[in-house]
């Protein structure tokens, strides 16, 4: 068994709080915005080319905005809260569109305040007024249910995707788990079948990955899958639709 297979075996069989207990290193991506790297590995929370750029391209432009253009109210589910960047950008969209977004996010691990305070997203967006909102998105280590501004209802749940039982339907799912090679247990037919059932008809699931196996897995779960232009250097990304 080669070293890479041994590493993958160890990742798959780690206890549920494995990623919670790992150390993080802050680094600056290509567009000047911050991301995090898992110490001692190549695992990062965002594209090295740009954290804000990738989140805007994959989740906001390909997922949220097309539906905001035709809906008056949206229910969004995010798999992998991470640094809170997707939630922050979604808040900005709700504010600008003046449309209500019900945003539910799940993660096994929420970052501590010392690390959150180092992230420069509000600065890079030239929105110092968002600092308080960003802090509230990260407040507490357990469930949070907040109304931020007039248009953003935010709910945070600390749990594994494998244990998640949603009690409602969503129009958009941001699938922002670690890459398939790093968390293969989250990229299975069973997982995507569950997410398929979470969506309303014509609902969207967007993700940065466009691997052939990922596309085939989503199709096996019932999705109609389209490939879109990816965020550099990725050539493609996936938008999956519940027909």
Protein backbone atom coordinates (compact mmCIF):
# COMPACT_ATOMS: atom_id res chain seq x y z
CA UNK A 1 0.00 0.00 0.00
CA UNK A 2 1.61 3.29 -1.08
CA UNK A 3 1.90 6.40 1.10
CA UNK A 4 -1.01 8.26 -0.57
CA UNK A 5 -3.37 5.30 -0.05
CA UNK A 6 -2.28 5.03 3.58
CA UNK A 7 -3.00 8.74 4.12
CA UNK A 8 -6.45 8.42 2.53
CA UNK A 9 -7.17 5.33 4.64
CA UNK A 10 -6.24 7.26 7.77
CA UNK A 11 -8.47 10.21 6.77
CA UNK A 12 -11.47 7.98 6.11
CA UNK A 13 -11.10 6.17 9.42
CA UNK A 14 -10.38 9.18 11.59
CA UNK A 15 -12.90 9.98 14.35
CA UNK A 16 -15.64 12.47 13.49
CA UNK A 17 -13.89 15.41 15.17
CA UNK A 18 -10.59 14.83 13.29
CA UNK A 19 -10.74 18.08 11.33
CA UNK A 20 -11.85 19.91 14.49
CA UNK A 21 -8.61 19.07 16.24
CA UNK A 22 -6.24 19.92 13.42
CA UNK A 23 -4.26 23.15 13.40
CA UNK A 24 -4.89 25.80 10.79
CA UNK A 25 -2.49 28.14 9.00
CA UNK A 26 -3.67 31.44 7.58
CA UNK A 27 -2.47 32.28 4.06
CA UNK A 28 -3.24 34.89 1.43
CA UNK A 29 -4.78 33.71 -1.84
CA UNK A 30 -4.22 35.15 -5.29
CA UNK A 31 -6.92 37.82 -5.04
CA UNK A 32 -5.60 39.08 -1.71
CA UNK A 33 -8.27 37.42 0.44
CA UNK A 34 -7.40 35.00 3.21
CA UNK A 35 -7.95 31.27 3.42
CA UNK A 36 -6.85 28.49 5.76
CA UNK A 37 -4.58 25.50 5.25
CA UNK A 38 -4.60 22.39 7.41
CA UNK A 39 -1.16 22.32 8.97
CA UNK A 40 1.12 19.68 7.50
CA UNK A 41 -1.07 19.01 4.46
CA UNK A 42 -2.14 20.50 1.13
CA UNK A 43 -5.77 20.77 2.29
CA UNK A 44 -7.12 24.30 1.96
CA UNK A 45 -10.52 25.87 2.57
CA UNK A 46 -10.50 27.75 -0.76
CA UNK A 47 -8.75 27.96 -4.09
CA UNK A 48 -5.25 29.31 -3.81
CA UNK A 49 -6.14 31.58 -6.72
CA UNK A 50 -8.66 33.51 -4.64
CA UNK A 51 -10.99 32.78 -1.73
CA UNK A 52 -13.47 35.58 -2.44
CA UNK A 53 -13.16 35.05 -6.20
CA UNK A 54 -13.91 31.34 -5.96
CA UNK A 55 -16.85 31.78 -3.59
CA UNK A 56 -18.40 34.44 -5.81
CA UNK A 57 -17.90 32.38 -8.96
CA UNK A 58 -19.07 28.99 -7.71
CA UNK A 59 -21.70 29.68 -5.07
CA UNK A 60 -23.02 33.19 -5.66
CA UNK A 61 -22.87 33.62 -9.44
CA UNK A 62 -23.71 30.02 -10.39
CA UNK A 63 -26.08 29.19 -7.53
CA UNK A 64 -27.65 32.08 -5.67
CA UNK A 65 -28.02 34.89 -8.20
CA UNK A 66 -29.89 32.93 -10.91
CA UNK A 67 -32.63 32.09 -8.40
CA UNK A 68 -32.64 35.48 -6.68
CA UNK A 69 -33.47 36.93 -10.09
CA UNK A 70 -36.75 34.99 -10.24
CA UNK A 71 -37.67 34.27 -6.60
CA UNK A 72 -38.80 36.63 -3.85
CA UNK A 73 -37.54 34.39 -1.03
CA UNK A 74 -34.91 31.67 -0.94
CA UNK A 75 -33.94 28.78 1.33
CA UNK A 76 -30.22 27.98 1.12
CA UNK A 77 -28.36 25.03 2.65
CA UNK A 78 -24.59 25.19 2.96
CA UNK A 79 -22.56 22.04 3.51
CA UNK A 80 -19.36 23.20 5.17
CA UNK A 81 -19.48 26.60 6.91
CA UNK A 82 -15.69 26.85 7.05
CA UNK A 83 -14.53 30.46 7.27
CA UNK A 84 -18.06 31.81 6.84
CA UNK A 85 -17.22 33.47 3.53
CA UNK A 86 -20.13 31.98 1.57
CA UNK A 87 -22.56 33.08 4.27
CA UNK A 88 -21.11 36.60 4.34
CA UNK A 89 -21.38 36.97 0.55
CA UNK A 90 -24.93 35.60 0.65
CA UNK A 91 -25.80 38.19 3.29
CA UNK A 92 -24.50 40.91 0.95
CA UNK A 93 -26.71 39.54 -1.84
CA UNK A 94 -29.78 39.59 0.40
CA UNK A 95 -29.01 43.15 1.36
CA UNK A 96 -28.54 44.31 -2.24
CA UNK A 97 -31.50 42.43 -3.70
CA UNK A 98 -33.77 43.18 -0.72
CA UNK A 99 -34.98 39.58 -0.87
CA UNK A 100 -35.30 37.29 2.12
CA UNK A 101 -32.75 34.48 2.37
CA UNK A 102 -33.18 31.69 4.92
CA UNK A 103 -29.64 30.37 5.27
CA UNK A 104 -28.90 27.11 7.08
CA UNK A 105 -25.33 25.87 7.39
CA UNK A 106 -23.81 22.75 8.91
CA UNK A 107 -20.26 21.93 9.91
CA UNK A 108 -18.51 19.64 12.34
CA UNK A 109 -16.27 22.44 13.50
CA UNK A 110 -16.60 26.20 13.90
CA UNK A 111 -13.50 28.38 14.02
CA UNK A 112 -12.49 30.10 17.23
CA UNK A 113 -12.71 33.90 17.55
CA UNK A 114 -8.94 34.44 17.49
CA UNK A 115 -8.72 32.88 14.04
CA UNK A 116 -11.89 34.56 12.74
CA UNK A 117 -10.55 37.99 13.66
CA UNK A 118 -7.55 37.50 11.37
CA UNK A 119 -9.67 36.91 8.24
CA UNK A 120 -9.69 39.95 5.95
CA UNK A 121 -12.91 39.50 3.95
CA UNK A 122 -14.60 42.71 5.09
CA UNK A 123 -11.45 44.65 4.30
CA UNK A 124 -11.09 43.09 0.82
CA UNK A 125 -14.76 43.78 0.07
CA UNK A 126 -14.21 47.37 1.21
CA UNK A 127 -17.07 46.90 3.66
CA UNK A 128 -15.92 47.65 7.21
CA UNK A 129 -19.61 47.84 8.14
CA UNK A 130 -19.76 44.05 7.67
CA UNK A 131 -17.35 43.33 10.53
CA UNK A 132 -20.14 43.05 13.08
CA UNK A 133 -22.21 40.80 10.79
CA UNK A 134 -19.22 38.55 10.15
CA UNK A 135 -18.62 38.29 13.89
CA UNK A 136 -22.25 37.33 14.49
CA UNK A 137 -22.06 34.61 11.82
CA UNK A 138 -19.23 33.07 13.83
CA UNK A 139 -20.59 33.73 17.30
CA UNK A 140 -20.74 30.70 19.57
CA UNK A 141 -19.62 27.14 18.97
CA UNK A 142 -23.09 25.60 18.85
CA UNK A 143 -26.37 26.21 17.10
CA UNK A 144 -27.23 29.80 16.25
CA UNK A 145 -30.49 31.18 14.91
CA UNK A 146 -30.25 34.86 13.99
CA UNK A 147 -31.97 37.53 11.96
CA UNK A 148 -29.24 39.70 10.46
CA UNK A 149 -30.50 42.90 8.93
CA UNK A 150 -33.91 42.88 7.31
CA UNK A 151 -33.40 40.05 4.84
CA UNK A 152 -31.06 37.37 6.18
CA UNK A 153 -32.23 34.62 8.52
CA UNK A 154 -29.23 32.55 9.62
CA UNK A 155 -29.18 29.14 11.29
CA UNK A 156 -25.99 27.29 12.17
CA UNK A 157 -25.90 23.62 13.14
CA UNK A 158 -22.86 21.76 14.43
CA UNK A 159 -23.06 18.23 13.09
CA UNK A 160 -21.73 15.87 10.45
CA UNK A 161 -23.45 15.77 7.07
CA UNK A 162 -23.84 12.03 7.64
CA UNK A 163 -25.95 12.78 10.74
CA UNK A 164 -27.87 15.73 9.33
CA UNK A 165 -31.66 15.41 9.06
CA UNK A 166 -33.12 18.56 7.50
CA UNK A 167 -36.70 19.37 8.38
CA UNK A 168 -37.37 21.52 5.33
CA UNK A 169 -36.70 21.91 1.61
CA UNK A 170 -34.19 24.18 -0.07
CA UNK A 171 -33.86 25.90 -3.43
CA UNK A 172 -30.05 26.05 -3.37
CA UNK A 173 -27.39 23.83 -1.84
CA UNK A 174 -23.80 25.03 -1.59
CA UNK A 175 -21.76 21.83 -1.46
CA UNK A 176 -18.46 23.09 -0.03
CA UNK A 177 -17.02 20.02 1.65
CA UNK A 178 -13.32 19.22 1.44
CA UNK A 179 -12.31 17.68 -1.89
CA UNK A 180 -13.37 14.11 -2.84
CA UNK A 181 -9.85 12.77 -2.33
CA UNK A 182 -9.81 14.21 1.19
CA UNK A 183 -13.36 13.41 2.41
CA UNK A 184 -14.59 10.65 0.07
CA UNK A 185 -17.33 9.61 2.52
CA UNK A 186 -19.18 12.88 1.75
CA UNK A 187 -19.18 12.41 -2.04
CA UNK A 188 -21.21 9.20 -2.29
CA UNK A 189 -24.44 8.29 -4.04
CA UNK A 190 -26.19 7.92 -0.67
CA UNK A 191 -25.17 11.43 0.39
CA UNK A 192 -26.28 13.01 -2.88
CA UNK A 193 -29.55 11.09 -2.82
CA UNK A 194 -30.26 12.64 0.58
CA UNK A 195 -29.40 16.09 -0.74
CA UNK A 196 -31.56 15.47 -3.81
CA UNK A 197 -34.50 14.86 -1.47
CA UNK A 198 -33.70 18.14 0.35
CA UNK A 199 -34.25 20.20 -2.79
CA UNK A 200 -37.49 21.51 -4.23
CA UNK A 201 -38.16 20.69 -7.91
CA UNK A 202 -35.78 22.74 -10.11
CA UNK A 203 -33.56 23.32 -7.07
CA UNK A 204 -29.80 23.68 -7.60
CA UNK A 205 -26.70 22.16 -6.05
CA UNK A 206 -23.42 23.88 -6.88
CA UNK A 207 -19.90 22.76 -6.12
CA UNK A 208 -16.37 23.55 -7.22
CA UNK A 209 -15.53 19.94 -8.16
CA UNK A 210 -16.17 18.59 -11.65
CA UNK A 211 -14.44 15.21 -11.45
CA UNK A 212 -15.94 12.55 -13.67
CA UNK A 213 -16.71 10.33 -10.71
CA UNK A 214 -18.48 13.19 -8.93
CA UNK A 215 -20.66 13.85 -11.99
CA UNK A 216 -21.54 10.16 -12.32
CA UNK A 217 -22.32 9.92 -8.61
CA UNK A 218 -24.68 12.90 -8.77
CA UNK A 219 -26.39 11.49 -11.86
CA UNK A 220 -26.86 8.16 -10.09
CA UNK A 221 -28.53 10.07 -7.25
CA UNK A 222 -31.06 11.56 -9.70
CA UNK A 223 -29.52 14.92 -10.59
CA UNK A 224 -29.30 16.43 -14.03
CA UNK A 225 -25.70 17.66 -14.12
CA UNK A 226 -24.24 20.50 -16.15
CA UNK A 227 -20.63 21.55 -16.32
CA UNK A 228 -19.91 25.25 -16.08
CA UNK A 229 -16.67 27.15 -16.42
CA UNK A 230 -14.66 26.67 -13.27
CA UNK A 231 -12.75 29.18 -11.21
CA UNK A 232 -9.13 29.36 -12.41
CA UNK A 233 -7.18 27.12 -12.51
CA UNK A 234 -10.09 24.66 -12.55
CA UNK A 235 -11.54 24.35 -16.04
CA UNK A 236 -14.97 23.24 -14.88
CA UNK A 237 -17.38 23.21 -11.95
CA UNK A 238 -20.75 21.49 -11.45
CA UNK A 239 -24.27 22.79 -11.20
CA UNK A 240 -26.70 19.94 -10.57
CA UNK A 241 -30.46 20.38 -10.96
CA UNK A 242 -33.34 18.43 -9.50
CA UNK A 243 -35.58 17.98 -12.55
